[in-house]
C-alpha atoms as a PDB file:
ATOM      1  CA  MET A   1      -0.051   0.084   0.254  1.00  0.00           C
ATOM      2  CA  ALA A   2       1.491   3.455  -1.020  1.00  0.00           C
ATOM      3  CA  LYS A   3       1.917   5.837   1.757  1.00  0.00           C
ATOM      4  CA  ALA A   4      -0.096   9.045   1.413  1.00  0.00           C
ATOM      5  CA  HIS A   5       2.871  11.611   0.286  1.00  0.00           C
ATOM      6  CA  VAL A   6       4.015  12.483  -3.219  1.00  0.00           C
ATOM      7  CA  ILE A   7       7.940  12.679  -3.896  1.00  0.00           C
ATOM      8  CA  ALA A   8       8.920  14.701  -6.865  1.00  0.00           C
ATOM      9  CA  ILE A   9      12.020  13.887  -8.764  1.00  0.00           C
ATOM     10  CA  ILE A  10      13.693  16.468 -11.149  1.00  0.00           C
ATOM     11  CA  ASP A  11      17.087  15.102 -12.428  1.00  0.00           C
ATOM     12  CA  ASP A  12      17.958  15.852 -16.228  1.00  0.00           C
ATOM     13  CA  ASP A  13      19.709  12.146 -16.582  1.00  0.00           C
ATOM     14  CA  PRO A  14      17.072   9.456 -16.936  1.00  0.00           C
ATOM     15  CA  SER A  15      19.236   6.700 -15.290  1.00  0.00           C
ATOM     16  CA  ALA A  16      19.794   9.144 -12.050  1.00  0.00           C
ATOM     17  CA  ARG A  17      15.947   9.818 -12.275  1.00  0.00           C
ATOM     18  CA  GLU A  18      14.864   6.520 -12.302  1.00  0.00           C
ATOM     19  CA  ALA A  19      17.381   4.797  -9.879  1.00  0.00           C
ATOM     20  CA  THR A  20      15.885   7.529  -7.565  1.00  0.00           C
ATOM     21  CA  GLN A  21      12.191   6.929  -8.390  1.00  0.00           C
ATOM     22  CA  ARG A  22      12.733   3.185  -7.958  1.00  0.00           C
ATOM     23  CA  LEU A  23      14.285   3.642  -4.523  1.00  0.00           C
ATOM     24  CA  VAL A  24      11.172   6.245  -3.409  1.00  0.00           C
ATOM     25  CA  ARG A  25       8.917   3.685  -4.742  1.00  0.00           C
ATOM     26  CA  SER A  26      10.606   0.890  -2.679  1.00  0.00           C
ATOM     27  CA  LEU A  27      10.140   2.859   0.314  1.00  0.00           C
ATOM     28  CA  GLY A  28       5.778   2.788  -0.378  1.00  0.00           C
ATOM     29  CA  TYR A  29       5.816   6.444  -1.929  1.00  0.00           C
ATOM     30  CA  LYS A  30       4.358   7.923  -4.673  1.00  0.00           C
ATOM     31  CA  THR A  31       6.071   9.797  -7.580  1.00  0.00           C
ATOM     32  CA  GLN A  32       6.397  12.032  -9.761  1.00  0.00           C
ATOM     33  CA  VAL A  33       9.030  12.238 -12.271  1.00  0.00           C
ATOM     34  CA  PHE A  34      10.601  15.639 -14.262  1.00  0.00           C
ATOM     35  CA  SER A  35      13.392  15.950 -16.191  1.00  0.00           C
ATOM     36  CA  SER A  36      13.865  19.800 -15.637  1.00  0.00           C
ATOM     37  CA  ALA A  37      13.059  22.562 -13.008  1.00  0.00           C
ATOM     38  CA  GLU A  38      10.644  24.155 -15.589  1.00  0.00           C
ATOM     39  CA  GLU A  39       8.524  20.641 -16.253  1.00  0.00           C
ATOM     40  CA  TYR A  40       8.163  20.668 -12.537  1.00  0.00           C
ATOM     41  CA  LEU A  41       6.972  24.490 -12.317  1.00  0.00           C
ATOM     42  CA  GLU A  42       4.536  23.847 -15.237  1.00  0.00           C
ATOM     43  CA  SER A  43       3.275  20.825 -14.263  1.00  0.00           C
ATOM     44  CA  GLU A  44      -0.110  21.252 -12.128  1.00  0.00           C
ATOM     45  CA  ASN A  45       0.792  17.729 -10.303  1.00  0.00           C
ATOM     46  CA  GLY A  46       3.873  19.316  -9.082  1.00  0.00           C
ATOM     47  CA  TRP A  47       1.759  21.682  -6.678  1.00  0.00           C
ATOM     48  CA  HIS A  48       0.913  18.508  -4.659  1.00  0.00           C
ATOM     49  CA  SER A  49       4.336  17.562  -3.669  1.00  0.00           C
ATOM     50  CA  SER A  50       5.306  16.605   0.039  1.00  0.00           C
ATOM     51  CA  CYS A  51       8.805  16.479  -1.082  1.00  0.00           C
ATOM     52  CA  LEU A  52      11.005  17.632  -3.735  1.00  0.00           C
ATOM     53  CA  ILE A  53      14.330  15.735  -4.627  1.00  0.00           C
ATOM     54  CA  THR A  54      16.297  17.742  -7.217  1.00  0.00           C
ATOM     55  CA  ASP A  55      19.676  17.714  -9.003  1.00  0.00           C
ATOM     56  CA  LEU A  56      21.532  20.710  -8.585  1.00  0.00           C
ATOM     57  CA  HIS A  57      22.961  21.018 -12.074  1.00  0.00           C
ATOM     58  CA  MET A  58      20.589  20.388 -14.898  1.00  0.00           C
ATOM     59  CA  PRO A  59      20.553  22.579 -18.474  1.00  0.00           C
ATOM     60  CA  GLY A  60      18.047  25.460 -17.924  1.00  0.00           C
ATOM     61  CA  MET A  61      17.164  26.206 -14.176  1.00  0.00           C
ATOM     62  CA  SER A  62      19.423  24.739 -11.458  1.00  0.00           C
ATOM     63  CA  GLY A  63      18.221  23.183  -8.446  1.00  0.00           C
ATOM     64  CA  ILE A  64      19.209  26.127  -6.641  1.00  0.00           C
ATOM     65  CA  ASP A  65      17.171  28.450  -8.800  1.00  0.00           C
ATOM     66  CA  LEU A  66      14.511  26.336  -8.762  1.00  0.00           C
ATOM     67  CA  GLN A  67      14.310  26.419  -5.148  1.00  0.00           C
ATOM     68  CA  ASP A  68      14.661  30.000  -4.811  1.00  0.00           C
ATOM     69  CA  ARG A  69      11.567  30.413  -7.049  1.00  0.00           C
ATOM     70  CA  LEU A  70       9.794  28.372  -4.747  1.00  0.00           C
ATOM     71  CA  ILE A  71      10.373  30.799  -1.742  1.00  0.00           C
ATOM     72  CA  ALA A  72       9.593  33.564  -3.830  1.00  0.00           C
ATOM     73  CA  ASP A  73       6.160  32.106  -4.744  1.00  0.00           C
ATOM     74  CA  GLY A  74       5.651  30.989  -1.069  1.00  0.00           C
ATOM     75  CA  ARG A  75       5.596  27.155  -1.781  1.00  0.00           C
ATOM     76  CA  CYS A  76       7.125  25.745   1.536  1.00  0.00           C
ATOM     77  CA  VAL A  77       7.985  22.317   0.070  1.00  0.00           C
ATOM     78  CA  PRO A  78      10.587  20.566   1.642  1.00  0.00           C
ATOM     79  CA  VAL A  79      13.864  20.121  -0.548  1.00  0.00           C
ATOM     80  CA  ILE A  80      16.703  17.393  -0.860  1.00  0.00           C
ATOM     81  CA  PHE A  81      19.810  18.258  -3.445  1.00  0.00           C
ATOM     82  CA  VAL A  82      21.524  15.437  -5.165  1.00  0.00           C
ATOM     83  CA  THR A  83      24.621  16.342  -7.091  1.00  0.00           C
ATOM     84  CA  ALA A  84      27.664  14.563  -8.819  1.00  0.00           C
ATOM     85  CA  TYR A  85      29.555  18.154  -8.183  1.00  0.00           C
ATOM     86  CA  PHE A  86      30.381  18.871  -4.709  1.00  0.00           C
ATOM     87  CA  GLU A  87      30.154  22.628  -4.013  1.00  0.00           C
ATOM     88  CA  GLU A  88      30.885  23.534  -0.666  1.00  0.00           C
ATOM     89  CA  GLN A  89      29.471  27.110  -1.051  1.00  0.00           C
ATOM     90  CA  VAL A  90      26.452  26.186  -3.407  1.00  0.00           C
ATOM     91  CA  GLU A  91      25.610  23.492  -0.577  1.00  0.00           C
ATOM     92  CA  ALA A  92      25.975  26.268   2.462  1.00  0.00           C
ATOM     93  CA  GLN A  93      23.846  28.384   0.338  1.00  0.00           C
ATOM     94  CA  ALA A  94      21.213  25.359  -0.298  1.00  0.00           C
ATOM     95  CA  MET A  95      20.633  24.637   3.664  1.00  0.00           C
ATOM     96  CA  GLU A  96      20.895  28.210   4.817  1.00  0.00           C
ATOM     97  CA  ALA A  97      17.800  28.312   2.400  1.00  0.00           C
ATOM     98  CA  GLY A  98      16.095  25.559   4.400  1.00  0.00           C
ATOM     99  CA  ALA A  99      16.778  22.347   2.107  1.00  0.00           C
ATOM    100  CA  PHE A 100      16.680  19.121   3.699  1.00  0.00           C
ATOM    101  CA  GLY A 101      19.771  17.285   2.514  1.00  0.00           C
ATOM    102  CA  PHE A 102      22.385  17.743  -0.099  1.00  0.00           C
ATOM    103  CA  LEU A 103      23.688  14.468  -1.462  1.00  0.00           C
ATOM    104  CA  ARG A 104      25.999  13.760  -3.436  1.00  0.00           C
ATOM    105  CA  LYS A 105      25.636  11.180  -6.380  1.00  0.00           C
ATOM    106  CA  PRO A 106      26.139   8.268  -5.902  1.00  0.00           C
ATOM    107  CA  PHE A 107      24.527   8.568  -2.556  1.00  0.00           C
ATOM    108  CA  ASP A 108      23.617   5.838   0.266  1.00  0.00           C
ATOM    109  CA  ASP A 109      20.573   4.648   0.717  1.00  0.00           C
ATOM    110  CA  GLN A 110      20.503   5.106   4.233  1.00  0.00           C
ATOM    111  CA  SER A 111      21.619   8.808   4.181  1.00  0.00           C
ATOM    112  CA  PHE A 112      18.876   9.608   1.552  1.00  0.00           C
ATOM    113  CA  VAL A 113      16.419   7.494   3.680  1.00  0.00           C
ATOM    114  CA  ALA A 114      17.309   9.992   6.634  1.00  0.00           C
ATOM    115  CA  CYS A 115      16.867  13.143   4.548  1.00  0.00           C
ATOM    116  CA  LEU A 116      13.608  12.023   2.929  1.00  0.00           C
ATOM    117  CA  ASP A 117      12.289  11.071   6.967  1.00  0.00           C
ATOM    118  CA  ARG A 118      13.449  14.523   8.030  1.00  0.00           C
ATOM    119  CA  ALA A 119      11.886  16.620   5.352  1.00  0.00           C
ATOM    120  CA  LEU A 120       8.506  14.669   5.544  1.00  0.00           C
ATOM    121  CA  SER A 121       8.395  15.153   9.314  1.00  0.00           C
ATOM    122  CA  HIS A 122       8.890  18.811   9.082  1.00  0.00           C
ATOM    123  CA  GLY A 123       5.924  18.585   6.349  1.00  0.00           C
ATOM    124  CA  ARG A 124       3.837  17.020   9.104  1.00  0.00           C
ATOM    125  CA  ALA A 125       4.586  19.563  11.301  1.00  0.00           C
ATOM    126  CA  ASP A 126       4.061  22.465   9.422  1.00  0.00           C
ATOM    127  CA  ARG A 127       0.277  20.919   8.639  1.00  0.00           C
END
């Protein structure tokens, strides 16, 4: 039985997107997948996400740009970043803006699950 939360996954890399989707589904959550931040923003379904897992570096709008846009629009969806390219300054910026995790690809499942649990617990407390 799927859990009530819907997790949005945004990654321009199809294999990374699919792997993350499989992991999230194995935890019992519903998923929505998007190949870009713009596709997520244009989707009506994106507005119903309990948590957002986004790649940091993507063509067009980056994950950080997406986080900034969501904040500016008053959307308080918890965000977890994943990236293959570690940048300490960018991680600090994302975390300062309220990100619930900043994971380096390939990430281990335990770290991912801990971030996701923390993000979803926060979302329940705000409702």
